[in-house]
Amino acid sequence: MRCSVCDDEGMDDAQHLRSAESADVITLPDGVRLGPRSWVATTSAGQDVVDAIAAEPQTTLLAMDFDGTLAPIVSDPTQSRILPASRDAIGHIGAALGGCAIITGRPVQAVREMAGLDTDPQLHHLVVLGQYGVERYDVASGKLIVPDDPPQVRRAVSELTERIDQMCVADSRLAGTHVEDKGRAVAVHTRRARDSRAAWRIFAPLCHEVADQHDLHAEEGREVIELKAESIGKDDALRELQEQTHARIIVMCGDDLGDVPAFGAVDEWIRHGGSGARVVSYSVEQPQLASHADILCDGPEGVAAFLDEIARRVATTSE
């Protein structure tokens, strides 16, 4: 076993994280040290972005993933909730920005409920792009766009539910695996399985098989694999938002493989002379995402601290 974080042959990822937590710091292979509930700039773009936002908030587009970024990952995905600190920071900063959006693989309706968007006036400036941008909800106007569910997804939901239920009965290690019907997509979560590693080894190939049979796209994440009809990604959603807002500063916050295309869009934007940053919510489950970061955060709590710093700087500059 070799740790993918520190490349130590005698330590696995989980042991590395426990070791780091006991010392209240995570040290990455390139020497970056990340303290608890904190964030650190890892590139020149990251070092400059807060100053750039404070100077021109009205030209800034802030886009954020939900699970693992604004909300901690939990064993039951239906119980995911936005951190109060992130909610407060977005509430203080959002109205000053050119655009503020959540881009998520979840359906819009789920995020509306989990973030309390319709009951919290301070979040009225948010736009939610659900199902990677297929669905859209403008909180201020109440305008909601939700296309009909693709029939091939409905068939995949039925097949996966039936086959996984049968396999869980036959093999007790798999019990606890959860099939989530997202309407336009279906996700299989192995996090709650009695043996999550065995469940992943068995169900990941099954999901790819079902995706091929029904002409769906399979996307792997943190102990979850999602099947969806469209090949649209978060990069497409982010570019669409940039065109709509005419933003000159683009910040994307995420934590998982589904966010990598959007990170790529921000990287391209920066390489062509634009300002912005890729903000990675670090986790031991996806340590390789640290290589994409201009800003590296200690999970959702670190993201909340980063958002709070932006809110504080924008408020100070506007006084």
C-alpha atoms as a PDB file:
ATOM      1  CA  MET A   1       0.000   0.000   0.000  1.00  0.00           C
ATOM      2  CA  ARG A   2       1.371   3.417  -0.979  1.00  0.00           C
ATOM      3  CA  CYS A   3      -0.120   6.725   0.150  1.00  0.00           C
ATOM      4  CA  SER A   4      -1.172   8.848  -2.827  1.00  0.00           C
ATOM      5  CA  VAL A   5      -0.707  12.002  -0.732  1.00  0.00           C
ATOM      6  CA  CYS A   6       2.851  11.601   0.576  1.00  0.00           C
ATOM      7  CA  ASP A   7       4.023   8.609  -1.540  1.00  0.00           C
ATOM      8  CA  ASP A   8       4.962   6.723   1.627  1.00  0.00           C
ATOM      9  CA  GLU A   9       4.953   2.970   0.947  1.00  0.00           C
ATOM     10  CA  GLY A  10       4.163   2.189   4.563  1.00  0.00           C
ATOM     11  CA  MET A  11       1.120   4.446   4.875  1.00  0.00           C
ATOM     12  CA  ASP A  12      -2.242   4.585   3.149  1.00  0.00           C
ATOM     13  CA  ASP A  13      -4.320   7.717   2.495  1.00  0.00           C
ATOM     14  CA  ALA A  14      -6.476   7.335   5.604  1.00  0.00           C
ATOM     15  CA  GLN A  15      -3.414   6.897   7.825  1.00  0.00           C
ATOM     16  CA  HIS A  16      -1.865  10.019   6.302  1.00  0.00           C
ATOM     17  CA  LEU A  17      -4.958  12.071   7.068  1.00  0.00           C
ATOM     18  CA  ARG A  18      -5.130  10.797  10.653  1.00  0.00           C
ATOM     19  CA  SER A  19      -1.445  11.606  11.085  1.00  0.00           C
ATOM     20  CA  ALA A  20      -1.951  15.070   9.647  1.00  0.00           C
ATOM     21  CA  GLU A  21      -4.994  15.713  11.798  1.00  0.00           C
ATOM     22  CA  SER A  22      -3.142  14.696  14.941  1.00  0.00           C
ATOM     23  CA  ALA A  23      -0.599  17.392  14.133  1.00  0.00           C
ATOM     24  CA  ASP A  24      -3.337  19.837  13.129  1.00  0.00           C
ATOM     25  CA  VAL A  25      -1.778  20.230   9.690  1.00  0.00           C
ATOM     26  CA  ILE A  26      -1.731  18.481   6.325  1.00  0.00           C
ATOM     27  CA  THR A  27       1.598  18.525   4.469  1.00  0.00           C
ATOM     28  CA  LEU A  28       1.406  17.815   0.740  1.00  0.00           C
ATOM     29  CA  PRO A  29       4.231  16.395  -1.427  1.00  0.00           C
ATOM     30  CA  ASP A  30       5.240  19.839  -2.733  1.00  0.00           C
ATOM     31  CA  GLY A  31       5.680  21.100   0.829  1.00  0.00           C
ATOM     32  CA  VAL A  32       2.400  23.015   1.034  1.00  0.00           C
ATOM     33  CA  ARG A  33       1.136  22.957   4.619  1.00  0.00           C
ATOM     34  CA  LEU A  34      -2.595  23.275   5.181  1.00  0.00           C
ATOM     35  CA  GLY A  35      -3.900  23.946   8.665  1.00  0.00           C
ATOM     36  CA  PRO A  36      -7.370  23.003   9.953  1.00  0.00           C
ATOM     37  CA  ARG A  37     -10.285  25.086   8.643  1.00  0.00           C
ATOM     38  CA  SER A  38      -7.854  27.223   6.642  1.00  0.00           C
ATOM     39  CA  TRP A  39      -6.801  27.962   3.059  1.00  0.00           C
ATOM     40  CA  VAL A  40      -3.548  28.706   1.291  1.00  0.00           C
ATOM     41  CA  ALA A  41      -2.606  30.146  -2.108  1.00  0.00           C
ATOM     42  CA  THR A  42      -0.437  27.724  -4.092  1.00  0.00           C
ATOM     43  CA  THR A  43       0.112  29.726  -7.306  1.00  0.00           C
ATOM     44  CA  SER A  44       0.584  33.345  -8.316  1.00  0.00           C
ATOM     45  CA  ALA A  45      -3.014  33.383  -9.589  1.00  0.00           C
ATOM     46  CA  GLY A  46      -4.162  32.287  -6.147  1.00  0.00           C
ATOM     47  CA  GLN A  47      -2.017  34.890  -4.440  1.00  0.00           C
ATOM     48  CA  ASP A  48      -3.506  37.686  -6.560  1.00  0.00           C
ATOM     49  CA  VAL A  49      -7.164  36.705  -6.737  1.00  0.00           C
ATOM     50  CA  VAL A  50      -8.471  38.139  -3.449  1.00  0.00           C
ATOM     51  CA  ASP A  51      -6.932  41.532  -4.217  1.00  0.00           C
ATOM     52  CA  ALA A  52      -8.421  41.400  -7.721  1.00  0.00           C
ATOM     53  CA  ILE A  53     -11.902  40.582  -6.406  1.00  0.00           C
ATOM     54  CA  ALA A  54     -11.715  43.304  -3.742  1.00  0.00           C
ATOM     55  CA  ALA A  55     -10.750  45.847  -6.398  1.00  0.00           C
ATOM     56  CA  GLU A  56     -13.435  44.827  -8.917  1.00  0.00           C
ATOM     57  CA  PRO A  57     -16.158  42.707  -7.268  1.00  0.00           C
ATOM     58  CA  GLN A  58     -18.726  43.694  -9.903  1.00  0.00           C
ATOM     59  CA  THR A  59     -16.621  41.971 -12.593  1.00  0.00           C
ATOM     60  CA  THR A  60     -16.248  38.739 -10.580  1.00  0.00           C
ATOM     61  CA  LEU A  61     -18.010  35.442 -11.207  1.00  0.00           C
ATOM     62  CA  LEU A  62     -17.940  33.140  -8.169  1.00  0.00           C
ATOM     63  CA  ALA A  63     -19.061  29.570  -8.918  1.00  0.00           C
ATOM     64  CA  MET A  64     -19.218  26.802  -6.321  1.00  0.00           C
ATOM     65  CA  ASP A  65     -19.898  23.106  -6.161  1.00  0.00           C
ATOM     66  CA  PHE A  66     -22.244  22.006  -3.370  1.00  0.00           C
ATOM     67  CA  ASP A  67     -21.354  18.619  -1.812  1.00  0.00           C
ATOM     68  CA  GLY A  68     -17.841  18.541  -0.396  1.00  0.00           C
ATOM     69  CA  THR A  69     -17.375  22.253  -1.077  1.00  0.00           C
ATOM     70  CA  LEU A  70     -20.172  24.261   0.530  1.00  0.00           C
ATOM     71  CA  ALA A  71     -21.548  21.264   2.444  1.00  0.00           C
ATOM     72  CA  PRO A  72     -19.583  18.477   4.161  1.00  0.00           C
ATOM     73  CA  ILE A  73     -19.816  15.009   2.636  1.00  0.00           C
ATOM     74  CA  VAL A  74     -22.185  12.888   4.750  1.00  0.00           C
ATOM     75  CA  SER A  75     -23.059   9.204   4.648  1.00  0.00           C
ATOM     76  CA  ASP A  76     -26.681   9.938   3.719  1.00  0.00           C
ATOM     77  CA  PRO A  77     -26.655  12.292   0.702  1.00  0.00           C
ATOM     78  CA  THR A  78     -30.206  13.435   1.451  1.00  0.00           C
ATOM     79  CA  GLN A  79     -28.961  14.973   4.721  1.00  0.00           C
ATOM     80  CA  SER A  80     -26.339  17.234   3.129  1.00  0.00           C
ATOM     81  CA  ARG A  81     -26.561  20.856   4.326  1.00  0.00           C
ATOM     82  CA  ILE A  82     -24.621  24.011   3.528  1.00  0.00           C
ATOM     83  CA  LEU A  83     -22.276  25.154   6.293  1.00  0.00           C
ATOM     84  CA  PRO A  84     -23.664  28.200   8.136  1.00  0.00           C
ATOM     85  CA  ALA A  85     -20.298  29.966   7.721  1.00  0.00           C
ATOM     86  CA  SER A  86     -20.443  29.551   3.944  1.00  0.00           C
ATOM     87  CA  ARG A  87     -24.067  30.666   3.885  1.00  0.00           C
ATOM     88  CA  ASP A  88     -23.189  33.831   5.804  1.00  0.00           C
ATOM     89  CA  ALA A  89     -20.169  34.630   3.635  1.00  0.00           C
ATOM     90  CA  ILE A  90     -22.137  34.178   0.407  1.00  0.00           C
ATOM     91  CA  GLY A  91     -24.894  36.323   1.854  1.00  0.00           C
ATOM     92  CA  HIS A  92     -22.462  39.138   2.609  1.00  0.00           C
ATOM     93  CA  ILE A  93     -20.561  38.988  -0.648  1.00  0.00           C
ATOM     94  CA  GLY A  94     -22.988  37.795  -3.317  1.00  0.00           C
ATOM     95  CA  ALA A  95     -24.873  41.014  -3.988  1.00  0.00           C
ATOM     96  CA  ALA A  96     -21.587  42.832  -4.659  1.00  0.00           C
ATOM     97  CA  LEU A  97     -20.394  40.349  -7.286  1.00  0.00           C
ATOM     98  CA  GLY A  98     -21.119  40.267 -10.989  1.00  0.00           C
ATOM     99  CA  GLY A  99     -22.331  36.687 -10.629  1.00  0.00           C
ATOM    100  CA  CYS A 100     -22.685  34.115  -7.840  1.00  0.00           C
ATOM    101  CA  ALA A 101     -23.694  30.544  -8.678  1.00  0.00           C
ATOM    102  CA  ILE A 102     -23.852  26.985  -7.444  1.00  0.00           C
ATOM    103  CA  ILE A 103     -22.960  24.457 -10.153  1.00  0.00           C
ATOM    104  CA  THR A 104     -23.828  20.937  -9.035  1.00  0.00           C
ATOM    105  CA  GLY A 105     -24.662  17.469 -10.229  1.00  0.00           C
ATOM    106  CA  ARG A 106     -27.677  17.483  -7.935  1.00  0.00           C
ATOM    107  CA  PRO A 107     -31.134  18.457  -9.157  1.00  0.00           C
ATOM    108  CA  VAL A 108     -32.003  22.093  -8.530  1.00  0.00           C
ATOM    109  CA  GLN A 109     -34.854  21.165  -6.202  1.00  0.00           C
ATOM    110  CA  ALA A 110     -32.521  19.258  -3.877  1.00  0.00           C
ATOM    111  CA  VAL A 111     -30.180  22.245  -3.548  1.00  0.00           C
ATOM    112  CA  ARG A 112     -33.097  24.603  -2.967  1.00  0.00           C
ATOM    113  CA  GLU A 113     -34.071  22.510   0.042  1.00  0.00           C
ATOM    114  CA  MET A 114     -30.577  21.705   1.362  1.00  0.00           C
ATOM    115  CA  ALA A 115     -29.382  25.304   1.167  1.00  0.00           C
ATOM    116  CA  GLY A 116     -32.700  26.853   2.205  1.00  0.00           C
ATOM    117  CA  LEU A 117     -32.591  29.124  -0.835  1.00  0.00           C
ATOM    118  CA  ASP A 118     -36.271  30.043  -0.786  1.00  0.00           C
ATOM    119  CA  THR A 119     -36.337  30.965   2.908  1.00  0.00           C
ATOM    120  CA  ASP A 120     -33.109  32.936   3.305  1.00  0.00           C
ATOM    121  CA  PRO A 121     -33.250  36.470   1.846  1.00  0.00           C
ATOM    122  CA  GLN A 122     -29.464  36.847   1.932  1.00  0.00           C
ATOM    123  CA  LEU A 123     -29.146  34.169  -0.777  1.00  0.00           C
ATOM    124  CA  HIS A 124     -31.577  35.765  -3.229  1.00  0.00           C
ATOM    125  CA  HIS A 125     -28.764  36.727  -5.625  1.00  0.00           C
ATOM    126  CA  LEU A 126     -27.747  33.098  -6.254  1.00  0.00           C
ATOM    127  CA  VAL A 127     -28.253  31.179  -9.483  1.00  0.00           C
ATOM    128  CA  VAL A 128     -28.273  27.380  -9.271  1.00  0.00           C
ATOM    129  CA  LEU A 129     -27.243  25.257 -12.231  1.00  0.00           C
ATOM    130  CA  GLY A 130     -28.312  21.698 -11.455  1.00  0.00           C
ATOM    131  CA  GLN A 131     -27.520  18.440 -13.230  1.00  0.00           C
ATOM    132  CA  TYR A 132     -24.267  20.056 -14.441  1.00  0.00           C
ATOM    133  CA  GLY A 133     -26.136  22.956 -16.019  1.00  0.00           C
ATOM    134  CA  VAL A 134     -29.125  21.213 -17.597  1.00  0.00           C
ATOM    135  CA  GLU A 135     -31.422  22.681 -14.931  1.00  0.00           C
ATOM    136  CA  ARG A 136     -31.406  26.333 -13.865  1.00  0.00           C
ATOM    137  CA  TYR A 137     -32.993  28.279 -11.028  1.00  0.00           C
ATOM    138  CA  ASP A 138     -32.737  32.022 -10.480  1.00  0.00           C
ATOM    139  CA  VAL A 139     -33.522  32.603  -6.818  1.00  0.00           C
ATOM    140  CA  ALA A 140     -34.348  36.308  -7.189  1.00  0.00           C
ATOM    141  CA  SER A 141     -36.881  35.909  -9.993  1.00  0.00           C
ATOM    142  CA  GLY A 142     -38.041  32.404  -9.121  1.00  0.00           C
ATOM    143  CA  LYS A 143     -37.526  31.349 -12.745  1.00  0.00           C
ATOM    144  CA  LEU A 144     -37.018  27.582 -12.964  1.00  0.00           C
ATOM    145  CA  ILE A 145     -35.958  25.563 -16.010  1.00  0.00           C
ATOM    146  CA  VAL A 146     -36.183  21.776 -15.645  1.00  0.00           C
ATOM    147  CA  PRO A 147     -36.386  19.672 -18.831  1.00  0.00           C
ATOM    148  CA  ASP A 148     -38.210  16.328 -18.854  1.00  0.00           C
ATOM    149  CA  ASP A 149     -36.345  13.276 -17.548  1.00  0.00           C
ATOM    150  CA  PRO A 150     -34.688  11.203 -20.298  1.00  0.00           C
ATOM    151  CA  PRO A 151     -36.390   7.790 -20.680  1.00  0.00           C
ATOM    152  CA  GLN A 152     -33.070   5.936 -20.753  1.00  0.00           C
ATOM    153  CA  VAL A 153     -32.296   7.267 -17.270  1.00  0.00           C
ATOM    154  CA  ARG A 154     -35.625   5.956 -15.986  1.00  0.00           C
ATOM    155  CA  ARG A 155     -34.741   2.516 -17.367  1.00  0.00           C
ATOM    156  CA  ALA A 156     -31.290   2.660 -15.771  1.00  0.00           C
ATOM    157  CA  VAL A 157     -32.778   3.590 -12.377  1.00  0.00           C
ATOM    158  CA  SER A 158     -35.056   0.546 -12.482  1.00  0.00           C
ATOM    159  CA  GLU A 159     -32.309  -1.830 -13.587  1.00  0.00           C
ATOM    160  CA  LEU A 160     -29.721  -0.615 -11.104  1.00  0.00           C
ATOM    161  CA  THR A 161     -32.172  -0.623  -8.199  1.00  0.00           C
ATOM    162  CA  GLU A 162     -33.268  -4.189  -8.939  1.00  0.00           C
ATOM    163  CA  ARG A 163     -29.806  -5.611  -9.548  1.00  0.00           C
ATOM    164  CA  ILE A 164     -28.134  -3.846  -6.628  1.00  0.00           C
ATOM    165  CA  ASP A 165     -30.911  -4.887  -4.224  1.00  0.00           C
ATOM    166  CA  GLN A 166     -30.465  -8.507  -5.300  1.00  0.00           C
ATOM    167  CA  MET A 167     -26.686  -8.351  -4.970  1.00  0.00           C
ATOM    168  CA  CYS A 168     -26.884  -6.771  -1.515  1.00  0.00           C
ATOM    169  CA  VAL A 169     -29.112  -9.623  -0.345  1.00  0.00           C
ATOM    170  CA  ALA A 170     -26.676 -12.182  -1.743  1.00  0.00           C
ATOM    171  CA  ASP A 171     -23.566 -10.509  -0.315  1.00  0.00           C
ATOM    172  CA  SER A 172     -23.895  -8.840   3.094  1.00  0.00           C
ATOM    173  CA  ARG A 173     -20.724  -6.793   2.546  1.00  0.00           C
ATOM    174  CA  LEU A 174     -22.633  -4.702   0.002  1.00  0.00           C
ATOM    175  CA  ALA A 175     -25.547  -3.854   2.280  1.00  0.00           C
ATOM    176  CA  GLY A 176     -25.996  -0.114   2.670  1.00  0.00           C
ATOM    177  CA  THR A 177     -25.221   0.753  -0.947  1.00  0.00           C
ATOM    178  CA  HIS A 178     -27.662   3.458  -1.995  1.00  0.00           C
ATOM    179  CA  VAL A 179     -29.213   4.179  -5.402  1.00  0.00           C
ATOM    180  CA  GLU A 180     -30.159   7.860  -5.697  1.00  0.00           C
ATOM    181  CA  ASP A 181     -32.716   8.824  -8.321  1.00  0.00           C
ATOM    182  CA  LYS A 182     -31.816  12.336  -9.495  1.00  0.00           C
ATOM    183  CA  GLY A 183     -34.442  12.533 -12.193  1.00  0.00           C
ATOM    184  CA  ARG A 184     -32.148  13.257 -15.125  1.00  0.00           C
ATOM    185  CA  ALA A 185     -29.401  11.089 -13.636  1.00  0.00           C
ATOM    186  CA  VAL A 186     -28.920   8.182 -11.260  1.00  0.00           C
ATOM    187  CA  ALA A 187     -26.124   7.893  -8.695  1.00  0.00           C
ATOM    188  CA  VAL A 188     -24.875   4.815  -6.864  1.00  0.00           C
ATOM    189  CA  HIS A 189     -23.305   5.608  -3.472  1.00  0.00           C
ATOM    190  CA  THR A 190     -21.035   3.024  -1.835  1.00  0.00           C
ATOM    191  CA  ARG A 191     -20.020   5.134   1.193  1.00  0.00           C
ATOM    192  CA  ARG A 192     -22.589   3.514   3.538  1.00  0.00           C
ATOM    193  CA  ALA A 193     -21.913  -0.078   2.458  1.00  0.00           C
ATOM    194  CA  ARG A 194     -20.661  -2.419   5.173  1.00  0.00           C
ATOM    195  CA  ASP A 195     -17.526  -2.890   3.080  1.00  0.00           C
ATOM    196  CA  SER A 196     -17.307   0.254   0.959  1.00  0.00           C
ATOM    197  CA  ARG A 197     -14.210  -0.896  -0.910  1.00  0.00           C
ATOM    198  CA  ALA A 198     -15.778  -4.196  -1.902  1.00  0.00           C
ATOM    199  CA  ALA A 199     -18.953  -2.388  -2.921  1.00  0.00           C
ATOM    200  CA  TRP A 200     -16.969  -0.026  -5.153  1.00  0.00           C
ATOM    201  CA  ARG A 201     -15.035  -2.871  -6.791  1.00  0.00           C
ATOM    202  CA  ILE A 202     -18.279  -4.670  -7.592  1.00  0.00           C
ATOM    203  CA  PHE A 203     -20.671  -1.846  -8.417  1.00  0.00           C
ATOM    204  CA  ALA A 204     -18.423   0.505 -10.396  1.00  0.00           C
ATOM    205  CA  PRO A 205     -18.094  -1.997 -13.272  1.00  0.00           C
ATOM    206  CA  LEU A 206     -21.833  -2.692 -13.057  1.00  0.00           C
ATOM    207  CA  CYS A 207     -22.605   1.011 -13.415  1.00  0.00           C
ATOM    208  CA  HIS A 208     -20.359   1.303 -16.458  1.00  0.00           C
ATOM    209  CA  GLU A 209     -22.057  -1.749 -17.964  1.00  0.00           C
ATOM    210  CA  VAL A 210     -25.535  -0.283 -17.429  1.00  0.00           C
ATOM    211  CA  ALA A 211     -24.370   3.089 -18.778  1.00  0.00           C
ATOM    212  CA  ASP A 212     -23.153   1.455 -21.984  1.00  0.00           C
ATOM    213  CA  GLN A 213     -26.397  -0.490 -22.375  1.00  0.00           C
ATOM    214  CA  HIS A 214     -28.554   2.627 -22.065  1.00  0.00           C
ATOM    215  CA  ASP A 215     -26.271   5.075 -23.892  1.00  0.00           C
ATOM    216  CA  LEU A 216     -25.505   7.070 -20.745  1.00  0.00           C
ATOM    217  CA  HIS A 217     -22.350   8.785 -19.504  1.00  0.00           C
ATOM    218  CA  ALA A 218     -20.793   7.369 -16.309  1.00  0.00           C
ATOM    219  CA  GLU A 219     -18.824   9.716 -14.058  1.00  0.00           C
ATOM    220  CA  GLU A 220     -16.948   8.552 -10.965  1.00  0.00           C
ATOM    221  CA  GLY A 221     -16.592  10.642  -7.821  1.00  0.00           C
ATOM    222  CA  ARG A 222     -15.967  10.277  -4.080  1.00  0.00           C
ATOM    223  CA  GLU A 223     -17.468   6.814  -3.405  1.00  0.00           C
ATOM    224  CA  VAL A 224     -20.184   7.559  -5.945  1.00  0.00           C
ATOM    225  CA  ILE A 225     -20.682   6.886  -9.628  1.00  0.00           C
ATOM    226  CA  GLU A 226     -23.277   8.830 -11.595  1.00  0.00           C
ATOM    227  CA  LEU A 227     -25.013   7.963 -14.849  1.00  0.00           C
ATOM    228  CA  LYS A 228     -26.414  10.838 -16.888  1.00  0.00           C
ATOM    229  CA  ALA A 229     -27.839  11.329 -20.357  1.00  0.00           C
ATOM    230  CA  GLU A 230     -26.044  14.516 -21.348  1.00  0.00           C
ATOM    231  CA  SER A 231     -22.322  14.913 -21.843  1.00  0.00           C
ATOM    232  CA  ILE A 232     -22.559  18.511 -20.597  1.00  0.00           C
ATOM    233  CA  GLY A 233     -20.062  19.303 -17.858  1.00  0.00           C
ATOM    234  CA  LYS A 234     -19.453  22.006 -15.309  1.00  0.00           C
ATOM    235  CA  ASP A 235     -17.036  23.673 -17.723  1.00  0.00           C
ATOM    236  CA  ASP A 236     -19.920  24.269 -20.145  1.00  0.00           C
ATOM    237  CA  ALA A 237     -22.044  25.718 -17.340  1.00  0.00           C
ATOM    238  CA  LEU A 238     -19.184  27.954 -16.175  1.00  0.00           C
ATOM    239  CA  ARG A 239     -18.500  29.310 -19.673  1.00  0.00           C
ATOM    240  CA  GLU A 240     -22.196  30.042 -20.138  1.00  0.00           C
ATOM    241  CA  LEU A 241     -22.254  32.020 -16.892  1.00  0.00           C
ATOM    242  CA  GLN A 242     -19.160  33.963 -17.924  1.00  0.00           C
ATOM    243  CA  GLU A 243     -20.770  34.938 -21.210  1.00  0.00           C
ATOM    244  CA  GLN A 244     -23.940  36.044 -19.422  1.00  0.00           C
ATOM    245  CA  THR A 245     -22.188  38.059 -16.708  1.00  0.00           C
ATOM    246  CA  HIS A 246     -19.253  39.345 -18.831  1.00  0.00           C
ATOM    247  CA  ALA A 247     -17.028  38.510 -15.875  1.00  0.00           C
ATOM    248  CA  ARG A 248     -13.333  39.371 -16.017  1.00  0.00           C
ATOM    249  CA  ILE A 249     -12.456  37.456 -12.836  1.00  0.00           C
ATOM    250  CA  ILE A 250     -13.568  33.806 -12.592  1.00  0.00           C
ATOM    251  CA  VAL A 251     -13.367  31.701  -9.433  1.00  0.00           C
ATOM    252  CA  MET A 252     -14.480  28.061  -9.330  1.00  0.00           C
ATOM    253  CA  CYS A 253     -14.659  26.121  -6.049  1.00  0.00           C
ATOM    254  CA  GLY A 254     -14.905  22.324  -6.090  1.00  0.00           C
ATOM    255  CA  ASP A 255     -13.733  19.091  -4.531  1.00  0.00           C
ATOM    256  CA  ASP A 256     -14.271  16.161  -6.886  1.00  0.00           C
ATOM    257  CA  LEU A 257     -13.527  14.760 -10.336  1.00  0.00           C
ATOM    258  CA  GLY A 258     -16.703  16.312 -11.738  1.00  0.00           C
ATOM    259  CA  ASP A 259     -15.198  19.742 -11.015  1.00  0.00           C
ATOM    260  CA  VAL A 260     -11.993  19.115 -12.981  1.00  0.00           C
ATOM    261  CA  PRO A 261     -13.447  20.256 -16.353  1.00  0.00           C
ATOM    262  CA  ALA A 262     -14.475  23.558 -14.754  1.00  0.00           C
ATOM    263  CA  PHE A 263     -11.011  23.895 -13.237  1.00  0.00           C
ATOM    264  CA  GLY A 264      -9.672  23.381 -16.745  1.00  0.00           C
ATOM    265  CA  ALA A 265     -11.860  26.215 -18.045  1.00  0.00           C
ATOM    266  CA  VAL A 266     -10.523  28.551 -15.331  1.00  0.00           C
ATOM    267  CA  ASP A 267      -6.950  27.484 -16.065  1.00  0.00           C
ATOM    268  CA  GLU A 268      -7.472  28.263 -19.752  1.00  0.00           C
ATOM    269  CA  TRP A 269      -8.950  31.648 -18.810  1.00  0.00           C
ATOM    270  CA  ILE A 270      -5.901  32.483 -16.679  1.00  0.00           C
ATOM    271  CA  ARG A 271      -3.414  31.297 -19.318  1.00  0.00           C
ATOM    272  CA  HIS A 272      -5.051  33.653 -21.811  1.00  0.00           C
ATOM    273  CA  GLY A 273      -4.515  36.629 -19.521  1.00  0.00           C
ATOM    274  CA  GLY A 274      -7.651  36.587 -17.355  1.00  0.00           C
ATOM    275  CA  SER A 275      -7.789  36.768 -13.572  1.00  0.00           C
ATOM    276  CA  GLY A 276      -9.236  34.012 -11.452  1.00  0.00           C
ATOM    277  CA  ALA A 277      -8.539  30.942  -9.354  1.00  0.00           C
ATOM    278  CA  ARG A 278      -9.289  27.265  -9.016  1.00  0.00           C
ATOM    279  CA  VAL A 279     -10.290  26.717  -5.391  1.00  0.00           C
ATOM    280  CA  VAL A 280      -9.954  23.090  -4.296  1.00  0.00           C
ATOM    281  CA  SER A 281     -11.682  21.745  -1.200  1.00  0.00           C
ATOM    282  CA  TYR A 282      -9.044  19.184  -0.216  1.00  0.00           C
ATOM    283  CA  SER A 283      -9.996  15.668   0.859  1.00  0.00           C
ATOM    284  CA  VAL A 284      -7.996  12.512   1.438  1.00  0.00           C
ATOM    285  CA  GLU A 285     -10.391  10.716  -0.937  1.00  0.00           C
ATOM    286  CA  GLN A 286      -9.300  12.856  -3.903  1.00  0.00           C
ATOM    287  CA  PRO A 287      -5.785  14.057  -2.968  1.00  0.00           C
ATOM    288  CA  GLN A 288      -4.795  14.355  -6.629  1.00  0.00           C
ATOM    289  CA  LEU A 289      -7.107  17.360  -7.005  1.00  0.00           C
ATOM    290  CA  ALA A 290      -4.566  19.414  -5.063  1.00  0.00           C
ATOM    291  CA  SER A 291      -2.516  19.571  -8.263  1.00  0.00           C
ATOM    292  CA  HIS A 292      -5.317  21.641  -9.857  1.00  0.00           C
ATOM    293  CA  ALA A 293      -5.420  24.227  -7.061  1.00  0.00           C
ATOM    294  CA  ASP A 294      -4.577  27.908  -7.115  1.00  0.00           C
ATOM    295  CA  ILE A 295      -6.210  28.055  -3.677  1.00  0.00           C
ATOM    296  CA  LEU A 296      -6.181  24.945  -1.487  1.00  0.00           C
ATOM    297  CA  CYS A 297      -8.732  24.713   1.326  1.00  0.00           C
ATOM    298  CA  ASP A 298      -9.091  22.331   4.252  1.00  0.00           C
ATOM    299  CA  GLY A 299     -12.419  20.867   3.147  1.00  0.00           C
ATOM    300  CA  PRO A 300     -15.685  22.821   3.307  1.00  0.00           C
ATOM    301  CA  GLU A 301     -14.562  24.605   6.473  1.00  0.00           C
ATOM    302  CA  GLY A 302     -11.527  25.924   4.620  1.00  0.00           C
ATOM    303  CA  VAL A 303     -13.725  27.023   1.720  1.00  0.00           C
ATOM    304  CA  ALA A 304     -15.931  28.890   4.198  1.00  0.00           C
ATOM    305  CA  ALA A 305     -12.843  30.660   5.556  1.00  0.00           C
ATOM    306  CA  PHE A 306     -11.804  31.637   2.013  1.00  0.00           C
ATOM    307  CA  LEU A 307     -15.271  32.976   1.196  1.00  0.00           C
ATOM    308  CA  ASP A 308     -15.311  34.883   4.475  1.00  0.00           C
ATOM    309  CA  GLU A 309     -11.979  36.508   3.590  1.00  0.00           C
ATOM    310  CA  ILE A 310     -13.401  37.641   0.238  1.00  0.00           C
ATOM    311  CA  ALA A 311     -16.484  39.057   1.992  1.00  0.00           C
ATOM    312  CA  ARG A 312     -14.325  40.885   4.519  1.00  0.00           C
ATOM    313  CA  ARG A 313     -12.039  42.367   1.861  1.00  0.00           C
ATOM    314  CA  VAL A 314     -14.911  43.449  -0.396  1.00  0.00           C
ATOM    315  CA  ALA A 315     -16.676  45.088   2.555  1.00  0.00           C
ATOM    316  CA  THR A 316     -13.482  46.894   3.612  1.00  0.00           C
ATOM    317  CA  THR A 317     -12.783  48.157   0.092  1.00  0.00           C
ATOM    318  CA  SER A 318     -16.325  49.465  -0.377  1.00  0.00           C
ATOM    319  CA  GLU A 319     -16.314  51.491   2.841  1.00  0.00           C
END
